[in-house]
Amino acid sequence: MKEFRIIGVPEHFNLPWHMALEEGAFADRGIDLRWQDVPEGTGKMCAMLESGEADLAVLLTEGVIKRIADKAPLTIVQGYVRSPLQWGIHVAESSSYRSVAQLEGSRTAISRFGSGSHLMAYVMARNEGWETAKLTFEVVNTLEGAVKALQQGTADYFMWEHFTTKPLVEEGVFRRLGDCPTPWPCFVLAVPRHTLIANRRLIGHILEVINTYTADFKRIPSIDRTLANRYQLHLDDVNTWLGMTNWTQEQISEQVVNKVSSTLLDLQLISKAVSPEGVLTRL
């Protein structure tokens, strides 16, 4: 049985992978798929792919495209979630900030440079008409690190997925000032190029399996209750999230790559636009 290592964030988007693993769907294909949670997010996972610590990752679209533009030997093999990600904009409950507009010039907590929390801070700043060159950052690594930074005042606001952070909002740890959706599909599946060359057929089998789960995921009986129990979310929030989230079984389009690339270039986050041919692999 061939061992293959996959990484992703410990969030509700990735339940289809865990269900497939728990039901032995990959083992039935002769694949020993090993899942590892990486709470630090896309920036950390890209580094793990590059260093050989993982073979496949569920990554934020903008994060991996930036990494490829920066010459990382990675490639996107398929889309995963085709709907936008809702980035909640959070401050500490005790913070004096009461609106997103007031955050201009304040310090942004990010999981790491090149992560979604870092890149989307630029997108939000552009939406607000701020001077992006003046953004300042505090690296906090994880959601827990962000809680500490905001409470201790070493950073002022933090962007993270709306429903993941909702329990912290309800507990009075964070206060959400608004949301900033990604202007493109949010999650893709990516591998190192050398891994693709050596395991193209195996990766194809993995995609076939996960695609059967994502295609039917929202029709699984009581999937809303399963998600609520597993991720400690309210049932009504889960149903709201399911209503706005769609998975895909296809490769992302060249138009998406061009939009992400041009946005990153406009924000001066990459030095040169990247072509779809340099980003996408069609199995």
C-alpha atoms as a PDB file:
ATOM      1  CA  MET A   1       0.000   0.000   0.000  1.00  0.00           C
ATOM      2  CA  LYS A   2       1.404   3.377  -1.052  1.00  0.00           C
ATOM      3  CA  GLU A   3       1.763   5.990   1.709  1.00  0.00           C
ATOM      4  CA  PHE A   4       0.842   9.553   0.790  1.00  0.00           C
ATOM      5  CA  ARG A   5       0.791  12.540   3.154  1.00  0.00           C
ATOM      6  CA  ILE A   6      -1.892  15.218   2.975  1.00  0.00           C
ATOM      7  CA  ILE A   7      -2.222  18.380   5.050  1.00  0.00           C
ATOM      8  CA  GLY A   8      -4.989  20.902   5.667  1.00  0.00           C
ATOM      9  CA  VAL A   9      -6.446  23.242   8.253  1.00  0.00           C
ATOM     10  CA  PRO A  10      -8.532  21.686  11.074  1.00  0.00           C
ATOM     11  CA  GLU A  11     -11.778  23.251   9.845  1.00  0.00           C
ATOM     12  CA  HIS A  12     -15.191  22.136   8.650  1.00  0.00           C
ATOM     13  CA  PHE A  13     -14.302  22.537   4.954  1.00  0.00           C
ATOM     14  CA  ASN A  14     -12.163  19.411   5.217  1.00  0.00           C
ATOM     15  CA  LEU A  15     -14.713  17.025   6.696  1.00  0.00           C
ATOM     16  CA  PRO A  16     -15.102  15.204   3.327  1.00  0.00           C
ATOM     17  CA  TRP A  17     -11.467  14.083   3.616  1.00  0.00           C
ATOM     18  CA  HIS A  18     -11.958  12.762   7.130  1.00  0.00           C
ATOM     19  CA  MET A  19     -15.128  10.902   6.179  1.00  0.00           C
ATOM     20  CA  ALA A  20     -13.387   9.279   3.219  1.00  0.00           C
ATOM     21  CA  LEU A  21     -10.459   8.283   5.431  1.00  0.00           C
ATOM     22  CA  GLU A  22     -12.674   6.924   8.211  1.00  0.00           C
ATOM     23  CA  GLU A  23     -14.680   4.883   5.732  1.00  0.00           C
ATOM     24  CA  GLY A  24     -11.550   3.371   4.157  1.00  0.00           C
ATOM     25  CA  ALA A  25     -12.215   4.833   0.717  1.00  0.00           C
ATOM     26  CA  PHE A  26      -8.534   5.500   0.007  1.00  0.00           C
ATOM     27  CA  ALA A  27      -7.396   2.193   1.483  1.00  0.00           C
ATOM     28  CA  ASP A  28      -9.791   0.459  -0.915  1.00  0.00           C
ATOM     29  CA  ARG A  29      -7.679   1.942  -3.728  1.00  0.00           C
ATOM     30  CA  GLY A  30      -4.454   0.731  -2.131  1.00  0.00           C
ATOM     31  CA  ILE A  31      -3.555   4.198  -0.812  1.00  0.00           C
ATOM     32  CA  ASP A  32      -2.366   4.760   2.743  1.00  0.00           C
ATOM     33  CA  LEU A  33      -3.405   8.416   2.925  1.00  0.00           C
ATOM     34  CA  ARG A  34      -2.107  10.111   6.091  1.00  0.00           C
ATOM     35  CA  TRP A  35      -3.837  13.338   7.154  1.00  0.00           C
ATOM     36  CA  GLN A  36      -2.136  16.006   9.283  1.00  0.00           C
ATOM     37  CA  ASP A  37      -3.859  19.123  10.621  1.00  0.00           C
ATOM     38  CA  VAL A  38      -1.851  22.326  10.168  1.00  0.00           C
ATOM     39  CA  PRO A  39      -3.535  25.113  12.168  1.00  0.00           C
ATOM     40  CA  GLU A  40      -0.952  27.671  11.014  1.00  0.00           C
ATOM     41  CA  GLY A  41      -2.595  27.726   7.578  1.00  0.00           C
ATOM     42  CA  THR A  42      -1.548  28.083   3.949  1.00  0.00           C
ATOM     43  CA  GLY A  43       1.831  29.772   4.446  1.00  0.00           C
ATOM     44  CA  LYS A  44       3.028  26.956   6.681  1.00  0.00           C
ATOM     45  CA  MET A  45       1.586  24.277   4.411  1.00  0.00           C
ATOM     46  CA  CYS A  46       3.319  25.649   1.317  1.00  0.00           C
ATOM     47  CA  ALA A  47       6.600  25.496   3.219  1.00  0.00           C
ATOM     48  CA  MET A  48       5.871  21.895   4.214  1.00  0.00           C
ATOM     49  CA  LEU A  49       5.228  20.908   0.595  1.00  0.00           C
ATOM     50  CA  GLU A  50       8.476  22.537  -0.482  1.00  0.00           C
ATOM     51  CA  SER A  51      10.530  20.897   2.271  1.00  0.00           C
ATOM     52  CA  GLY A  52       9.177  17.420   1.566  1.00  0.00           C
ATOM     53  CA  GLU A  53       7.168  17.146   4.785  1.00  0.00           C
ATOM     54  CA  ALA A  54       3.920  16.609   2.852  1.00  0.00           C
ATOM     55  CA  ASP A  55       2.812  15.417  -0.577  1.00  0.00           C
ATOM     56  CA  LEU A  56      -0.562  17.124  -1.078  1.00  0.00           C
ATOM     57  CA  ALA A  57      -2.259  20.098   0.579  1.00  0.00           C
ATOM     58  CA  VAL A  58      -5.635  21.818   0.724  1.00  0.00           C
ATOM     59  CA  LEU A  59      -4.581  25.452   0.308  1.00  0.00           C
ATOM     60  CA  LEU A  60      -6.031  28.911  -0.106  1.00  0.00           C
ATOM     61  CA  THR A  61      -5.988  29.867  -3.775  1.00  0.00           C
ATOM     62  CA  GLU A  62      -4.251  33.223  -3.343  1.00  0.00           C
ATOM     63  CA  GLY A  63      -1.618  31.772  -1.015  1.00  0.00           C
ATOM     64  CA  VAL A  64      -0.386  29.030  -3.311  1.00  0.00           C
ATOM     65  CA  ILE A  65      -0.513  31.238  -6.423  1.00  0.00           C
ATOM     66  CA  LYS A  66       1.668  33.801  -4.637  1.00  0.00           C
ATOM     67  CA  ARG A  67       4.081  31.040  -3.658  1.00  0.00           C
ATOM     68  CA  ILE A  68       4.261  29.803  -7.258  1.00  0.00           C
ATOM     69  CA  ALA A  69       4.805  33.374  -8.464  1.00  0.00           C
ATOM     70  CA  ASP A  70       7.705  33.506  -5.996  1.00  0.00           C
ATOM     71  CA  LYS A  71       9.223  30.488  -7.813  1.00  0.00           C
ATOM     72  CA  ALA A  72       8.088  27.682  -5.506  1.00  0.00           C
ATOM     73  CA  PRO A  73       8.006  24.352  -7.441  1.00  0.00           C
ATOM     74  CA  LEU A  74       4.321  23.719  -6.716  1.00  0.00           C
ATOM     75  CA  THR A  75       1.325  23.145  -8.963  1.00  0.00           C
ATOM     76  CA  ILE A  76      -2.452  23.189  -8.508  1.00  0.00           C
ATOM     77  CA  VAL A  77      -3.996  19.880  -9.585  1.00  0.00           C
ATOM     78  CA  GLN A  78      -7.649  20.713  -8.904  1.00  0.00           C
ATOM     79  CA  GLY A  79     -10.030  23.143  -7.264  1.00  0.00           C
ATOM     80  CA  TYR A  80     -11.631  22.092  -3.975  1.00  0.00           C
ATOM     81  CA  VAL A  81     -14.091  24.756  -2.763  1.00  0.00           C
ATOM     82  CA  ARG A  82     -15.357  27.011  -5.547  1.00  0.00           C
ATOM     83  CA  SER A  83     -17.243  29.506  -3.371  1.00  0.00           C
ATOM     84  CA  PRO A  84     -15.526  32.481  -1.664  1.00  0.00           C
ATOM     85  CA  LEU A  85     -14.183  32.309   1.871  1.00  0.00           C
ATOM     86  CA  GLN A  86     -15.810  34.704   4.330  1.00  0.00           C
ATOM     87  CA  TRP A  87     -12.968  36.353   6.227  1.00  0.00           C
ATOM     88  CA  GLY A  88     -14.228  37.775   9.497  1.00  0.00           C
ATOM     89  CA  ILE A  89     -12.478  40.964  10.663  1.00  0.00           C
ATOM     90  CA  HIS A  90     -11.966  40.690  14.431  1.00  0.00           C
ATOM     91  CA  VAL A  91     -10.768  42.836  17.311  1.00  0.00           C
ATOM     92  CA  ALA A  92     -10.572  42.012  21.000  1.00  0.00           C
ATOM     93  CA  GLU A  93     -13.906  42.421  22.784  1.00  0.00           C
ATOM     94  CA  SER A  94     -12.317  45.134  24.944  1.00  0.00           C
ATOM     95  CA  SER A  95     -10.970  47.027  21.925  1.00  0.00           C
ATOM     96  CA  SER A  96     -11.966  50.639  21.311  1.00  0.00           C
ATOM     97  CA  TYR A  97     -12.320  49.992  17.576  1.00  0.00           C
ATOM     98  CA  ARG A  98     -15.963  49.964  16.508  1.00  0.00           C
ATOM     99  CA  SER A  99     -15.768  49.918  12.705  1.00  0.00           C
ATOM    100  CA  VAL A 100     -13.502  48.566   9.975  1.00  0.00           C
ATOM    101  CA  ALA A 101     -12.753  52.125   8.848  1.00  0.00           C
ATOM    102  CA  GLN A 102     -11.183  52.884  12.238  1.00  0.00           C
ATOM    103  CA  LEU A 103      -8.596  50.134  11.728  1.00  0.00           C
ATOM    104  CA  GLU A 104      -6.600  52.133   9.195  1.00  0.00           C
ATOM    105  CA  GLY A 105      -3.030  52.431  10.452  1.00  0.00           C
ATOM    106  CA  SER A 106      -3.451  49.754  13.134  1.00  0.00           C
ATOM    107  CA  ARG A 107      -1.494  46.510  13.509  1.00  0.00           C
ATOM    108  CA  THR A 108      -2.672  43.344  11.760  1.00  0.00           C
ATOM    109  CA  ALA A 109      -2.204  39.913  13.333  1.00  0.00           C
ATOM    110  CA  ILE A 110      -1.325  37.277  10.706  1.00  0.00           C
ATOM    111  CA  SER A 111      -0.549  33.586  10.958  1.00  0.00           C
ATOM    112  CA  ARG A 112       2.570  34.141   8.842  1.00  0.00           C
ATOM    113  CA  PHE A 113       3.714  36.096   5.805  1.00  0.00           C
ATOM    114  CA  GLY A 114       2.212  34.669   2.626  1.00  0.00           C
ATOM    115  CA  SER A 115      -0.766  33.250   4.518  1.00  0.00           C
ATOM    116  CA  GLY A 116      -4.379  34.062   3.738  1.00  0.00           C
ATOM    117  CA  SER A 117      -4.611  36.321   6.779  1.00  0.00           C
ATOM    118  CA  HIS A 118      -1.667  38.301   5.406  1.00  0.00           C
ATOM    119  CA  LEU A 119      -2.795  38.520   1.771  1.00  0.00           C
ATOM    120  CA  MET A 120      -6.434  39.240   2.560  1.00  0.00           C
ATOM    121  CA  ALA A 121      -5.382  42.132   4.810  1.00  0.00           C
ATOM    122  CA  TYR A 122      -4.132  43.777   1.619  1.00  0.00           C
ATOM    123  CA  VAL A 123      -7.350  42.980  -0.237  1.00  0.00           C
ATOM    124  CA  MET A 124      -9.406  44.490   2.581  1.00  0.00           C
ATOM    125  CA  ALA A 125      -7.152  47.549   2.751  1.00  0.00           C
ATOM    126  CA  ARG A 126      -7.597  48.118  -0.977  1.00  0.00           C
ATOM    127  CA  ASN A 127     -11.368  47.741  -0.607  1.00  0.00           C
ATOM    128  CA  GLU A 128     -11.274  50.384   2.129  1.00  0.00           C
ATOM    129  CA  GLY A 129      -9.086  52.765   0.144  1.00  0.00           C
ATOM    130  CA  TRP A 130      -6.156  52.558   2.555  1.00  0.00           C
ATOM    131  CA  GLU A 131      -2.520  52.989   1.592  1.00  0.00           C
ATOM    132  CA  THR A 132      -1.394  49.357   1.583  1.00  0.00           C
ATOM    133  CA  ALA A 133       2.303  50.258   1.876  1.00  0.00           C
ATOM    134  CA  LYS A 134       1.618  51.407   5.418  1.00  0.00           C
ATOM    135  CA  LEU A 135       0.191  48.087   6.659  1.00  0.00           C
ATOM    136  CA  THR A 136       2.053  46.629   9.650  1.00  0.00           C
ATOM    137  CA  PHE A 137       1.948  43.023  10.828  1.00  0.00           C
ATOM    138  CA  GLU A 138       2.414  40.867  13.908  1.00  0.00           C
ATOM    139  CA  VAL A 139       3.053  37.171  13.216  1.00  0.00           C
ATOM    140  CA  VAL A 140       0.948  35.063  15.607  1.00  0.00           C
ATOM    141  CA  ASN A 141       1.121  31.603  13.909  1.00  0.00           C
ATOM    142  CA  THR A 142      -2.295  30.274  14.953  1.00  0.00           C
ATOM    143  CA  LEU A 143      -5.793  31.308  15.966  1.00  0.00           C
ATOM    144  CA  GLU A 144      -4.765  30.822  19.588  1.00  0.00           C
ATOM    145  CA  GLY A 145      -1.812  33.114  18.977  1.00  0.00           C
ATOM    146  CA  ALA A 146      -4.171  35.743  17.570  1.00  0.00           C
ATOM    147  CA  VAL A 147      -6.366  35.582  20.672  1.00  0.00           C
ATOM    148  CA  LYS A 148      -3.314  36.258  22.840  1.00  0.00           C
ATOM    149  CA  ALA A 149      -2.014  39.065  20.602  1.00  0.00           C
ATOM    150  CA  LEU A 150      -5.329  40.922  20.487  1.00  0.00           C
ATOM    151  CA  GLN A 151      -5.938  40.542  24.212  1.00  0.00           C
ATOM    152  CA  GLN A 152      -2.421  41.681  25.101  1.00  0.00           C
ATOM    153  CA  GLY A 153      -2.493  44.546  22.605  1.00  0.00           C
ATOM    154  CA  THR A 154       0.482  43.481  20.473  1.00  0.00           C
ATOM    155  CA  ALA A 155      -1.884  43.520  17.459  1.00  0.00           C
ATOM    156  CA  ASP A 156      -5.198  45.249  16.829  1.00  0.00           C
ATOM    157  CA  TYR A 157      -7.187  43.083  14.430  1.00  0.00           C
ATOM    158  CA  PHE A 158      -7.163  39.603  12.931  1.00  0.00           C
ATOM    159  CA  MET A 159      -8.830  38.112   9.866  1.00  0.00           C
ATOM    160  CA  TRP A 160      -9.943  34.472   9.932  1.00  0.00           C
ATOM    161  CA  GLU A 161     -12.789  32.353   8.579  1.00  0.00           C
ATOM    162  CA  HIS A 162     -16.142  33.680   9.837  1.00  0.00           C
ATOM    163  CA  PHE A 163     -17.654  30.471  11.194  1.00  0.00           C
ATOM    164  CA  THR A 164     -14.442  29.102  12.707  1.00  0.00           C
ATOM    165  CA  THR A 165     -14.145  32.228  14.851  1.00  0.00           C
ATOM    166  CA  LYS A 166     -17.864  32.618  15.615  1.00  0.00           C
ATOM    167  CA  PRO A 167     -17.628  30.708  18.935  1.00  0.00           C
ATOM    168  CA  LEU A 168     -14.930  33.167  20.056  1.00  0.00           C
ATOM    169  CA  VAL A 169     -17.211  36.052  19.137  1.00  0.00           C
ATOM    170  CA  GLU A 170     -20.073  34.519  21.103  1.00  0.00           C
ATOM    171  CA  GLU A 171     -17.807  33.913  24.096  1.00  0.00           C
ATOM    172  CA  GLY A 172     -16.789  37.574  24.143  1.00  0.00           C
ATOM    173  CA  VAL A 173     -13.165  36.914  23.198  1.00  0.00           C
ATOM    174  CA  PHE A 174     -13.425  38.603  19.788  1.00  0.00           C
ATOM    175  CA  ARG A 175     -15.756  41.237  18.390  1.00  0.00           C
ATOM    176  CA  ARG A 176     -16.395  41.017  14.649  1.00  0.00           C
ATOM    177  CA  LEU A 177     -16.454  44.341  12.817  1.00  0.00           C
ATOM    178  CA  GLY A 178     -17.321  42.930   9.408  1.00  0.00           C
ATOM    179  CA  ASP A 179     -16.481  40.382   6.733  1.00  0.00           C
ATOM    180  CA  CYS A 180     -14.259  40.419   3.651  1.00  0.00           C
ATOM    181  CA  PRO A 181     -15.042  37.626   1.148  1.00  0.00           C
ATOM    182  CA  THR A 182     -12.347  36.421  -1.218  1.00  0.00           C
ATOM    183  CA  PRO A 183     -12.911  37.683  -4.788  1.00  0.00           C
ATOM    184  CA  TRP A 184     -12.278  34.136  -6.119  1.00  0.00           C
ATOM    185  CA  PRO A 185     -12.825  30.442  -5.245  1.00  0.00           C
ATOM    186  CA  CYS A 186     -11.152  29.847  -1.919  1.00  0.00           C
ATOM    187  CA  PHE A 187      -9.543  26.380  -1.713  1.00  0.00           C
ATOM    188  CA  VAL A 188      -7.471  24.323  -4.151  1.00  0.00           C
ATOM    189  CA  LEU A 189      -5.423  21.125  -4.047  1.00  0.00           C
ATOM    190  CA  ALA A 190      -1.707  21.483  -4.733  1.00  0.00           C
ATOM    191  CA  VAL A 191       1.371  19.257  -4.841  1.00  0.00           C
ATOM    192  CA  PRO A 192       5.109  19.688  -5.405  1.00  0.00           C
ATOM    193  CA  ARG A 193       5.969  19.274  -9.082  1.00  0.00           C
ATOM    194  CA  HIS A 194       8.393  16.424  -8.408  1.00  0.00           C
ATOM    195  CA  THR A 195       5.672  14.609  -6.455  1.00  0.00           C
ATOM    196  CA  LEU A 196       3.300  14.942  -9.401  1.00  0.00           C
ATOM    197  CA  ILE A 197       5.884  13.521 -11.808  1.00  0.00           C
ATOM    198  CA  ALA A 198       6.464  10.481  -9.589  1.00  0.00           C
ATOM    199  CA  ASN A 199       2.825   9.922  -8.533  1.00  0.00           C
ATOM    200  CA  ARG A 200       0.565  11.269 -11.286  1.00  0.00           C
ATOM    201  CA  ARG A 201      -1.677   8.196 -11.446  1.00  0.00           C
ATOM    202  CA  LEU A 202      -1.877   7.909  -7.650  1.00  0.00           C
ATOM    203  CA  ILE A 203      -2.884  11.564  -7.333  1.00  0.00           C
ATOM    204  CA  GLY A 204      -5.545  10.953  -9.946  1.00  0.00           C
ATOM    205  CA  HIS A 205      -6.966   8.133  -7.815  1.00  0.00           C
ATOM    206  CA  ILE A 206      -6.985  10.371  -4.726  1.00  0.00           C
ATOM    207  CA  LEU A 207      -8.907  13.046  -6.618  1.00  0.00           C
ATOM    208  CA  GLU A 208     -11.419  10.489  -7.878  1.00  0.00           C
ATOM    209  CA  VAL A 209     -12.128   9.402  -4.306  1.00  0.00           C
ATOM    210  CA  ILE A 210     -12.469  12.849  -2.756  1.00  0.00           C
ATOM    211  CA  ASN A 211     -14.586  14.033  -5.669  1.00  0.00           C
ATOM    212  CA  THR A 212     -17.186  11.357  -4.969  1.00  0.00           C
ATOM    213  CA  TYR A 213     -17.425  12.622  -1.389  1.00  0.00           C
ATOM    214  CA  THR A 214     -17.592  16.336  -2.174  1.00  0.00           C
ATOM    215  CA  ALA A 215     -20.123  15.820  -4.967  1.00  0.00           C
ATOM    216  CA  ASP A 216     -22.610  14.268  -2.534  1.00  0.00           C
ATOM    217  CA  PHE A 217     -21.469  15.923   0.695  1.00  0.00           C
ATOM    218  CA  LYS A 218     -24.397  18.290   1.168  1.00  0.00           C
ATOM    219  CA  ARG A 219     -26.878  15.457   0.536  1.00  0.00           C
ATOM    220  CA  ILE A 220     -25.521  13.196   3.292  1.00  0.00           C
ATOM    221  CA  PRO A 221     -28.319  12.623   5.848  1.00  0.00           C
ATOM    222  CA  SER A 222     -27.873  14.812   8.950  1.00  0.00           C
ATOM    223  CA  ILE A 223     -24.583  16.225   7.668  1.00  0.00           C
ATOM    224  CA  ASP A 224     -25.472  19.507   9.368  1.00  0.00           C
ATOM    225  CA  ARG A 225     -25.635  17.793  12.758  1.00  0.00           C
ATOM    226  CA  THR A 226     -22.397  15.917  12.093  1.00  0.00           C
ATOM    227  CA  LEU A 227     -20.616  19.183  11.298  1.00  0.00           C
ATOM    228  CA  ALA A 228     -22.096  20.964  14.307  1.00  0.00           C
ATOM    229  CA  ASN A 229     -21.044  18.219  16.710  1.00  0.00           C
ATOM    230  CA  ARG A 230     -17.594  17.687  15.249  1.00  0.00           C
ATOM    231  CA  TYR A 231     -16.592  21.329  15.034  1.00  0.00           C
ATOM    232  CA  GLN A 232     -18.550  22.726  17.999  1.00  0.00           C
ATOM    233  CA  LEU A 233     -20.735  24.968  15.841  1.00  0.00           C
ATOM    234  CA  HIS A 234     -24.392  25.939  16.158  1.00  0.00           C
ATOM    235  CA  LEU A 235     -26.728  24.035  13.867  1.00  0.00           C
ATOM    236  CA  ASP A 236     -28.182  27.208  12.348  1.00  0.00           C
ATOM    237  CA  ASP A 237     -24.660  28.492  11.607  1.00  0.00           C
ATOM    238  CA  VAL A 238     -23.763  25.209   9.928  1.00  0.00           C
ATOM    239  CA  ASN A 239     -26.828  25.411   7.721  1.00  0.00           C
ATOM    240  CA  THR A 240     -26.030  29.013   6.814  1.00  0.00           C
ATOM    241  CA  TRP A 241     -22.487  27.967   5.924  1.00  0.00           C
ATOM    242  CA  LEU A 242     -23.656  24.960   3.892  1.00  0.00           C
ATOM    243  CA  GLY A 243     -25.992  27.245   1.970  1.00  0.00           C
ATOM    244  CA  MET A 244     -23.130  29.495   0.895  1.00  0.00           C
ATOM    245  CA  THR A 245     -20.430  26.845   0.333  1.00  0.00           C
ATOM    246  CA  ASN A 246     -19.935  24.766  -2.799  1.00  0.00           C
ATOM    247  CA  TRP A 247     -17.249  22.204  -3.535  1.00  0.00           C
ATOM    248  CA  THR A 248     -15.903  21.494  -6.993  1.00  0.00           C
ATOM    249  CA  GLN A 249     -14.591  18.432  -8.779  1.00  0.00           C
ATOM    250  CA  GLU A 250     -12.868  20.391 -11.537  1.00  0.00           C
ATOM    251  CA  GLN A 251      -9.691  22.353 -12.078  1.00  0.00           C
ATOM    252  CA  ILE A 252      -9.912  26.092 -11.465  1.00  0.00           C
ATOM    253  CA  SER A 253     -10.145  28.257 -14.576  1.00  0.00           C
ATOM    254  CA  GLU A 254      -7.413  30.271 -16.211  1.00  0.00           C
ATOM    255  CA  GLN A 255      -9.537  33.347 -15.512  1.00  0.00           C
ATOM    256  CA  VAL A 256      -9.284  32.705 -11.757  1.00  0.00           C
ATOM    257  CA  VAL A 257      -5.497  32.416 -11.961  1.00  0.00           C
ATOM    258  CA  ASN A 258      -5.301  35.634 -13.955  1.00  0.00           C
ATOM    259  CA  LYS A 259      -7.535  37.478 -11.485  1.00  0.00           C
ATOM    260  CA  VAL A 260      -5.534  36.354  -8.452  1.00  0.00           C
ATOM    261  CA  SER A 261      -2.235  37.057 -10.175  1.00  0.00           C
ATOM    262  CA  SER A 262      -3.252  40.535 -11.335  1.00  0.00           C
ATOM    263  CA  THR A 263      -4.595  41.393  -7.869  1.00  0.00           C
ATOM    264  CA  LEU A 264      -1.386  40.286  -6.163  1.00  0.00           C
ATOM    265  CA  LEU A 265       0.642  42.249  -8.710  1.00  0.00           C
ATOM    266  CA  ASP A 266      -1.469  45.382  -8.235  1.00  0.00           C
ATOM    267  CA  LEU A 267      -0.958  45.079  -4.474  1.00  0.00           C
ATOM    268  CA  GLN A 268       2.811  44.680  -5.048  1.00  0.00           C
ATOM    269  CA  LEU A 269       2.769  41.293  -3.335  1.00  0.00           C
ATOM    270  CA  ILE A 270       4.465  39.643  -6.315  1.00  0.00           C
ATOM    271  CA  SER A 271       7.019  41.141  -8.686  1.00  0.00           C
ATOM    272  CA  LYS A 272       5.725  39.552 -11.883  1.00  0.00           C
ATOM    273  CA  ALA A 273       2.397  38.104 -12.998  1.00  0.00           C
ATOM    274  CA  VAL A 274       2.230  34.323 -13.303  1.00  0.00           C
ATOM    275  CA  SER A 275       0.565  32.567 -16.227  1.00  0.00           C
ATOM    276  CA  PRO A 276      -2.090  29.856 -15.840  1.00  0.00           C
ATOM    277  CA  GLU A 277       0.318  27.424 -17.536  1.00  0.00           C
ATOM    278  CA  GLY A 278       2.778  28.014 -14.730  1.00  0.00           C
ATOM    279  CA  VAL A 279       0.185  27.355 -12.037  1.00  0.00           C
ATOM    280  CA  LEU A 280      -2.194  24.627 -13.234  1.00  0.00           C
ATOM    281  CA  THR A 281      -1.762  20.958 -14.083  1.00  0.00           C
ATOM    282  CA  ARG A 282      -4.606  19.050 -15.714  1.00  0.00           C
ATOM    283  CA  LEU A 283      -4.492  15.357 -14.896  1.00  0.00           C
END
